Amino acid sequence: MMTSWKLVRVIAGFFILLSLALGVPESPLFVSKYWLFFIAFVGLNLLQSGLTNWCLMESILRKLGVPSGC
């Protein structure tokens, strides 16, 4: 089973790739350029997590029973 800190990185990577696929006009899955704001949101959350050592997604995963890891 994956630890919470690894799962956070997998989820962040998935969100970035998904929002690129939905936000870049050249993509066959393009919906709207406003999906690119979601990439900024994910990036800001990763930056905040790195500076404060606290991540909301990791807290949520721990409450769901995912084991924490170092």
PDB file of N, CA and C in Angstrom:
ATOM      1  N   MET A   1       0.841  -1.182   0.000  1.00  0.00           N
ATOM      2  CA  MET A   1       0.000   0.000   0.000  1.00  0.00           C
ATOM      3  C   MET A   1       0.889   1.249   0.000  1.00  0.00           C
ATOM      4  N   MET A   2       0.450   2.261  -0.702  1.00  0.00           N
ATOM      5  CA  MET A   2       1.222   3.503  -0.778  1.00  0.00           C
ATOM      6  C   MET A   2       1.026   4.315   0.496  1.00  0.00           C
ATOM      7  N   THR A   3       2.071   5.060   0.854  1.00  0.00           N
ATOM      8  CA  THR A   3       1.958   5.959   1.998  1.00  0.00           C
ATOM      9  C   THR A   3       1.320   7.272   1.547  1.00  0.00           C
ATOM     10  N   SER A   4       0.868   8.055   2.518  1.00  0.00           N
ATOM     11  CA  SER A   4       0.139   9.279   2.197  1.00  0.00           C
ATOM     12  C   SER A   4       0.994  10.274   1.428  1.00  0.00           C
ATOM     13  N   TRP A   5       2.279  10.407   1.782  1.00  0.00           N
ATOM     14  CA  TRP A   5       3.100  11.404   1.083  1.00  0.00           C
ATOM     15  C   TRP A   5       3.374  10.999  -0.357  1.00  0.00           C
ATOM     16  N   LYS A   6       3.459   9.713  -0.635  1.00  0.00           N
ATOM     17  CA  LYS A   6       3.626   9.264  -2.018  1.00  0.00           C
ATOM     18  C   LYS A   6       2.325   9.446  -2.803  1.00  0.00           C
ATOM     19  N   LEU A   7       1.220   9.141  -2.166  1.00  0.00           N
ATOM     20  CA  LEU A   7      -0.075   9.277  -2.820  1.00  0.00           C
ATOM     21  C   LEU A   7      -0.381  10.735  -3.138  1.00  0.00           C
ATOM     22  N   VAL A   8       0.032  11.660  -2.279  1.00  0.00           N
ATOM     23  CA  VAL A   8      -0.158  13.093  -2.550  1.00  0.00           C
ATOM     24  C   VAL A   8       0.556  13.468  -3.840  1.00  0.00           C
ATOM     25  N   ARG A   9       1.748  12.992  -4.045  1.00  0.00           N
ATOM     26  CA  ARG A   9       2.511  13.311  -5.255  1.00  0.00           C
ATOM     27  C   ARG A   9       1.881  12.684  -6.495  1.00  0.00           C
ATOM     28  N   VAL A  10       1.348  11.483  -6.362  1.00  0.00           N
ATOM     29  CA  VAL A  10       0.664  10.839  -7.480  1.00  0.00           C
ATOM     30  C   VAL A  10      -0.593  11.631  -7.854  1.00  0.00           C
ATOM     31  N   ILE A  11      -1.358  12.032  -6.851  1.00  0.00           N
ATOM     32  CA  ILE A  11      -2.579  12.805  -7.099  1.00  0.00           C
ATOM     33  C   ILE A  11      -2.238  14.155  -7.731  1.00  0.00           C
ATOM     34  N   ALA A  12      -1.217  14.838  -7.213  1.00  0.00           N
ATOM     35  CA  ALA A  12      -0.821  16.137  -7.776  1.00  0.00           C
ATOM     36  C   ALA A  12      -0.391  15.978  -9.234  1.00  0.00           C
ATOM     37  N   GLY A  13       0.404  14.959  -9.526  1.00  0.00           N
ATOM     38  CA  GLY A  13       0.822  14.714 -10.908  1.00  0.00           C
ATOM     39  C   GLY A  13      -0.352  14.422 -11.821  1.00  0.00           C
ATOM     40  N   PHE A  14      -1.305  13.633 -11.337  1.00  0.00           N
ATOM     41  CA  PHE A  14      -2.511  13.334 -12.122  1.00  0.00           C
ATOM     42  C   PHE A  14      -3.309  14.606 -12.395  1.00  0.00           C
ATOM     43  N   PHE A  15      -3.492  15.451 -11.357  1.00  0.00           N
ATOM     44  CA  PHE A  15      -4.232  16.704 -11.535  1.00  0.00           C
ATOM     45  C   PHE A  15      -3.557  17.615 -12.554  1.00  0.00           C
ATOM     46  N   ILE A  16      -2.236  17.678 -12.519  1.00  0.00           N
ATOM     47  CA  ILE A  16      -1.503  18.530 -13.465  1.00  0.00           C
ATOM     48  C   ILE A  16      -1.680  18.018 -14.889  1.00  0.00           C
ATOM     49  N   LEU A  17      -1.496  16.729 -15.091  1.00  0.00           N
ATOM     50  CA  LEU A  17      -1.651  16.168 -16.435  1.00  0.00           C
ATOM     51  C   LEU A  17      -3.086  16.291 -16.945  1.00  0.00           C
ATOM     52  N   LEU A  18      -4.057  16.065 -16.068  1.00  0.00           N
ATOM     53  CA  LEU A  18      -5.461  16.192 -16.464  1.00  0.00           C
ATOM     54  C   LEU A  18      -5.797  17.628 -16.853  1.00  0.00           C
ATOM     55  N   SER A  19      -5.361  18.594 -16.044  1.00  0.00           N
ATOM     56  CA  SER A  19      -5.691  19.982 -16.358  1.00  0.00           C
ATOM     57  C   SER A  19      -4.956  20.462 -17.603  1.00  0.00           C
ATOM     58  N   LEU A  20      -3.766  19.942 -17.873  1.00  0.00           N
ATOM     59  CA  LEU A  20      -3.100  20.256 -19.142  1.00  0.00           C
ATOM     60  C   LEU A  20      -3.892  19.705 -20.318  1.00  0.00           C
ATOM     61  N   ALA A  21      -4.356  18.465 -20.182  1.00  0.00           N
ATOM     62  CA  ALA A  21      -5.129  17.850 -21.262  1.00  0.00           C
ATOM     63  C   ALA A  21      -6.429  18.603 -21.519  1.00  0.00           C
ATOM     64  N   LEU A  22      -7.028  19.140 -20.474  1.00  0.00           N
ATOM     65  CA  LEU A  22      -8.299  19.840 -20.624  1.00  0.00           C
ATOM     66  C   LEU A  22      -8.136  21.320 -20.935  1.00  0.00           C
ATOM     67  N   GLY A  23      -6.928  21.879 -20.712  1.00  0.00           N
ATOM     68  CA  GLY A  23      -6.751  23.319 -20.850  1.00  0.00           C
ATOM     69  C   GLY A  23      -5.919  23.798 -22.017  1.00  0.00           C
ATOM     70  N   VAL A  24      -5.177  22.916 -22.659  1.00  0.00           N
ATOM     71  CA  VAL A  24      -4.338  23.317 -23.795  1.00  0.00           C
ATOM     72  C   VAL A  24      -5.134  23.134 -25.088  1.00  0.00           C
ATOM     73  N   PRO A  25      -5.302  24.206 -25.855  1.00  0.00           N
ATOM     74  CA  PRO A  25      -6.152  24.126 -27.060  1.00  0.00           C
ATOM     75  C   PRO A  25      -5.737  23.044 -28.061  1.00  0.00           C
ATOM     76  N   GLU A  26      -4.470  22.687 -28.118  1.00  0.00           N
ATOM     77  CA  GLU A  26      -4.013  21.676 -29.071  1.00  0.00           C
ATOM     78  C   GLU A  26      -4.347  20.257 -28.630  1.00  0.00           C
ATOM     79  N   SER A  27      -4.814  20.100 -27.406  1.00  0.00           N
ATOM     80  CA  SER A  27      -5.127  18.781 -26.875  1.00  0.00           C
ATOM     81  C   SER A  27      -6.442  18.265 -27.461  1.00  0.00           C
ATOM     82  N   PRO A  28      -6.514  16.966 -27.757  1.00  0.00           N
ATOM     83  CA  PRO A  28      -7.781  16.412 -28.251  1.00  0.00           C
ATOM     84  C   PRO A  28      -8.874  16.395 -27.174  1.00  0.00           C
ATOM     85  N   LEU A  29      -8.500  16.587 -25.918  1.00  0.00           N
ATOM     86  CA  LEU A  29      -9.467  16.596 -24.824  1.00  0.00           C
ATOM     87  C   LEU A  29      -9.812  18.011 -24.371  1.00  0.00           C
ATOM     88  N   PHE A  30      -9.391  19.011 -25.135  1.00  0.00           N
ATOM     89  CA  PHE A  30      -9.569  20.419 -24.748  1.00  0.00           C
ATOM     90  C   PHE A  30     -11.008  20.748 -24.396  1.00  0.00           C
ATOM     91  N   VAL A  31     -11.181  21.450 -23.261  1.00  0.00           N
ATOM     92  CA  VAL A  31     -12.494  21.914 -22.832  1.00  0.00           C
ATOM     93  C   VAL A  31     -12.487  23.438 -22.732  1.00  0.00           C
ATOM     94  N   SER A  32     -11.541  23.981 -21.958  1.00  0.00           N
ATOM     95  CA  SER A  32     -11.463  25.419 -21.752  1.00  0.00           C
ATOM     96  C   SER A  32     -10.067  25.784 -21.263  1.00  0.00           C
ATOM     97  N   LYS A  33      -9.586  26.950 -21.669  1.00  0.00           N
ATOM     98  CA  LYS A  33      -8.270  27.392 -21.220  1.00  0.00           C
ATOM     99  C   LYS A  33      -8.259  27.682 -19.724  1.00  0.00           C
ATOM    100  N   TYR A  34      -9.417  27.828 -19.119  1.00  0.00           N
ATOM    101  CA  TYR A  34      -9.493  28.114 -17.689  1.00  0.00           C
ATOM    102  C   TYR A  34      -9.066  26.940 -16.815  1.00  0.00           C
ATOM    103  N   TRP A  35      -8.968  25.753 -17.417  1.00  0.00           N
ATOM    104  CA  TRP A  35      -8.428  24.609 -16.679  1.00  0.00           C
ATOM    105  C   TRP A  35      -6.977  24.845 -16.282  1.00  0.00           C
ATOM    106  N   LEU A  36      -6.278  25.739 -16.987  1.00  0.00           N
ATOM    107  CA  LEU A  36      -4.885  26.021 -16.662  1.00  0.00           C
ATOM    108  C   LEU A  36      -4.753  26.694 -15.294  1.00  0.00           C
ATOM    109  N   PHE A  37      -5.802  27.351 -14.823  1.00  0.00           N
ATOM    110  CA  PHE A  37      -5.773  27.921 -13.472  1.00  0.00           C
ATOM    111  C   PHE A  37      -5.666  26.821 -12.416  1.00  0.00           C
ATOM    112  N   PHE A  38      -6.192  25.655 -12.738  1.00  0.00           N
ATOM    113  CA  PHE A  38      -6.094  24.536 -11.790  1.00  0.00           C
ATOM    114  C   PHE A  38      -4.641  24.110 -11.603  1.00  0.00           C
ATOM    115  N   ILE A  39      -3.837  24.201 -12.666  1.00  0.00           N
ATOM    116  CA  ILE A  39      -2.411  23.897 -12.543  1.00  0.00           C
ATOM    117  C   ILE A  39      -1.765  24.868 -11.571  1.00  0.00           C
ATOM    118  N   ALA A  40      -2.101  26.139 -11.658  1.00  0.00           N
ATOM    119  CA  ALA A  40      -1.563  27.135 -10.738  1.00  0.00           C
ATOM    120  C   ALA A  40      -1.984  26.825  -9.303  1.00  0.00           C
ATOM    121  N   PHE A  41      -3.228  26.408  -9.122  1.00  0.00           N
ATOM    122  CA  PHE A  41      -3.716  26.049  -7.789  1.00  0.00           C
ATOM    123  C   PHE A  41      -2.926  24.878  -7.216  1.00  0.00           C
ATOM    124  N   VAL A  42      -2.721  23.842  -8.005  1.00  0.00           N
ATOM    125  CA  VAL A  42      -1.956  22.678  -7.554  1.00  0.00           C
ATOM    126  C   VAL A  42      -0.518  23.086  -7.250  1.00  0.00           C
ATOM    127  N   GLY A  43       0.084  23.888  -8.116  1.00  0.00           N
ATOM    128  CA  GLY A  43       1.451  24.344  -7.890  1.00  0.00           C
ATOM    129  C   GLY A  43       1.587  25.168  -6.620  1.00  0.00           C
ATOM    130  N   LEU A  44       0.637  26.052  -6.372  1.00  0.00           N
ATOM    131  CA  LEU A  44       0.667  26.853  -5.139  1.00  0.00           C
ATOM    132  C   LEU A  44       0.515  25.976  -3.906  1.00  0.00           C
ATOM    133  N   ASN A  45      -0.317  24.967  -3.990  1.00  0.00           N
ATOM    134  CA  ASN A  45      -0.464  24.047  -2.863  1.00  0.00           C
ATOM    135  C   ASN A  45       0.814  23.252  -2.617  1.00  0.00           C
ATOM    136  N   LEU A  46       1.490  22.835  -3.682  1.00  0.00           N
ATOM    137  CA  LEU A  46       2.763  22.130  -3.517  1.00  0.00           C
ATOM    138  C   LEU A  46       3.820  23.041  -2.905  1.00  0.00           C
ATOM    139  N   LEU A  47       3.856  24.295  -3.344  1.00  0.00           N
ATOM    140  CA  LEU A  47       4.794  25.270  -2.781  1.00  0.00           C
ATOM    141  C   LEU A  47       4.507  25.500  -1.301  1.00  0.00           C
ATOM    142  N   GLN A  48       3.254  25.727  -0.966  1.00  0.00           N
ATOM    143  CA  GLN A  48       2.864  25.937   0.432  1.00  0.00           C
ATOM    144  C   GLN A  48       3.213  24.715   1.274  1.00  0.00           C
ATOM    145  N   SER A  49       2.978  23.535   0.763  1.00  0.00           N
ATOM    146  CA  SER A  49       3.287  22.306   1.485  1.00  0.00           C
ATOM    147  C   SER A  49       4.786  22.184   1.750  1.00  0.00           C
ATOM    148  N   GLY A  50       5.580  22.537   0.764  1.00  0.00           N
ATOM    149  CA  GLY A  50       7.026  22.458   0.935  1.00  0.00           C
ATOM    150  C   GLY A  50       7.561  23.460   1.948  1.00  0.00           C
ATOM    151  N   LEU A  51       6.916  24.620   2.050  1.00  0.00           N
ATOM    152  CA  LEU A  51       7.378  25.659   2.969  1.00  0.00           C
ATOM    153  C   LEU A  51       6.871  25.474   4.390  1.00  0.00           C
ATOM    154  N   THR A  52       5.699  24.876   4.543  1.00  0.00           N
ATOM    155  CA  THR A  52       5.089  24.782   5.882  1.00  0.00           C
ATOM    156  C   THR A  52       5.073  23.373   6.450  1.00  0.00           C
ATOM    157  N   ASN A  53       5.424  22.374   5.649  1.00  0.00           N
ATOM    158  CA  ASN A  53       5.355  20.967   6.067  1.00  0.00           C
ATOM    159  C   ASN A  53       3.947  20.536   6.452  1.00  0.00           C
ATOM    160  N   TRP A  54       2.924  21.159   5.859  1.00  0.00           N
ATOM    161  CA  TRP A  54       1.534  20.771   6.079  1.00  0.00           C
ATOM    162  C   TRP A  54       0.837  20.720   4.730  1.00  0.00           C
ATOM    163  N   CYS A  55       0.075  19.661   4.520  1.00  0.00           N
ATOM    164  CA  CYS A  55      -0.629  19.480   3.250  1.00  0.00           C
ATOM    165  C   CYS A  55      -2.051  18.999   3.541  1.00  0.00           C
ATOM    166  N   LEU A  56      -3.031  19.737   3.051  1.00  0.00           N
ATOM    167  CA  LEU A  56      -4.425  19.380   3.275  1.00  0.00           C
ATOM    168  C   LEU A  56      -4.740  18.006   2.698  1.00  0.00           C
ATOM    169  N   MET A  57      -4.269  17.711   1.497  1.00  0.00           N
ATOM    170  CA  MET A  57      -4.546  16.411   0.877  1.00  0.00           C
ATOM    171  C   MET A  57      -3.992  15.278   1.733  1.00  0.00           C
ATOM    172  N   GLU A  58      -2.802  15.457   2.284  1.00  0.00           N
ATOM    173  CA  GLU A  58      -2.229  14.412   3.130  1.00  0.00           C
ATOM    174  C   GLU A  58      -3.059  14.237   4.403  1.00  0.00           C
ATOM    175  N   SER A  59      -3.550  15.318   4.961  1.00  0.00           N
ATOM    176  CA  SER A  59      -4.411  15.225   6.145  1.00  0.00           C
ATOM    177  C   SER A  59      -5.690  14.463   5.824  1.00  0.00           C
ATOM    178  N   ILE A  60      -6.262  14.733   4.667  1.00  0.00           N
ATOM    179  CA  ILE A  60      -7.481  14.032   4.247  1.00  0.00           C
ATOM    180  C   ILE A  60      -7.199  12.544   4.061  1.00  0.00           C
ATOM    181  N   LEU A  61      -6.080  12.223   3.398  1.00  0.00           N
ATOM    182  CA  LEU A  61      -5.741  10.816   3.175  1.00  0.00           C
ATOM    183  C   LEU A  61      -5.510  10.089   4.478  1.00  0.00           C
ATOM    184  N   ARG A  62      -4.866  10.723   5.447  1.00  0.00           N
ATOM    185  CA  ARG A  62      -4.641  10.085   6.749  1.00  0.00           C
ATOM    186  C   ARG A  62      -5.963   9.805   7.456  1.00  0.00           C
ATOM    187  N   LYS A  63      -6.925  10.741   7.362  1.00  0.00           N
ATOM    188  CA  LYS A  63      -8.234  10.514   7.978  1.00  0.00           C
ATOM    189  C   LYS A  63      -8.990   9.374   7.293  1.00  0.00           C
ATOM    190  N   LEU A  64      -8.664   9.131   6.018  1.00  0.00           N
ATOM    191  CA  LEU A  64      -9.280   8.024   5.286  1.00  0.00           C
ATOM    192  C   LEU A  64      -8.581   6.687   5.561  1.00  0.00           C
ATOM    193  N   GLY A  65      -7.531   6.737   6.385  1.00  0.00           N
ATOM    194  CA  GLY A  65      -6.865   5.500   6.779  1.00  0.00           C
ATOM    195  C   GLY A  65      -5.602   5.162   6.009  1.00  0.00           C
ATOM    196  N   VAL A  66      -5.146   6.047   5.151  1.00  0.00           N
ATOM    197  CA  VAL A  66      -3.895   5.795   4.420  1.00  0.00           C
ATOM    198  C   VAL A  66      -2.734   6.014   5.385  1.00  0.00           C
ATOM    199  N   PRO A  67      -1.809   5.057   5.484  1.00  0.00           N
ATOM    200  CA  PRO A  67      -0.707   5.211   6.434  1.00  0.00           C
ATOM    201  C   PRO A  67       0.243   6.339   6.027  1.00  0.00           C
ATOM    202  N   SER A  68       0.726   7.063   7.039  1.00  0.00           N
ATOM    203  CA  SER A  68       1.700   8.119   6.749  1.00  0.00           C
ATOM    204  C   SER A  68       3.062   7.494   6.522  1.00  0.00           C
ATOM    205  N   GLY A  69       3.928   8.232   5.880  1.00  0.00           N
ATOM    206  CA  GLY A  69       5.270   7.736   5.606  1.00  0.00           C
ATOM    207  C   GLY A  69       6.284   8.841   5.723  1.00  0.00           C
ATOM    208  N   CYS A  70       7.529   8.465   5.855  1.00  0.00           N
ATOM    209  CA  CYS A  70       8.598   9.465   5.984  1.00  0.00           C
ATOM    210  C   CYS A  70       9.362   9.601   4.699  1.00  0.00           C
TER     211      CYS A  70
END
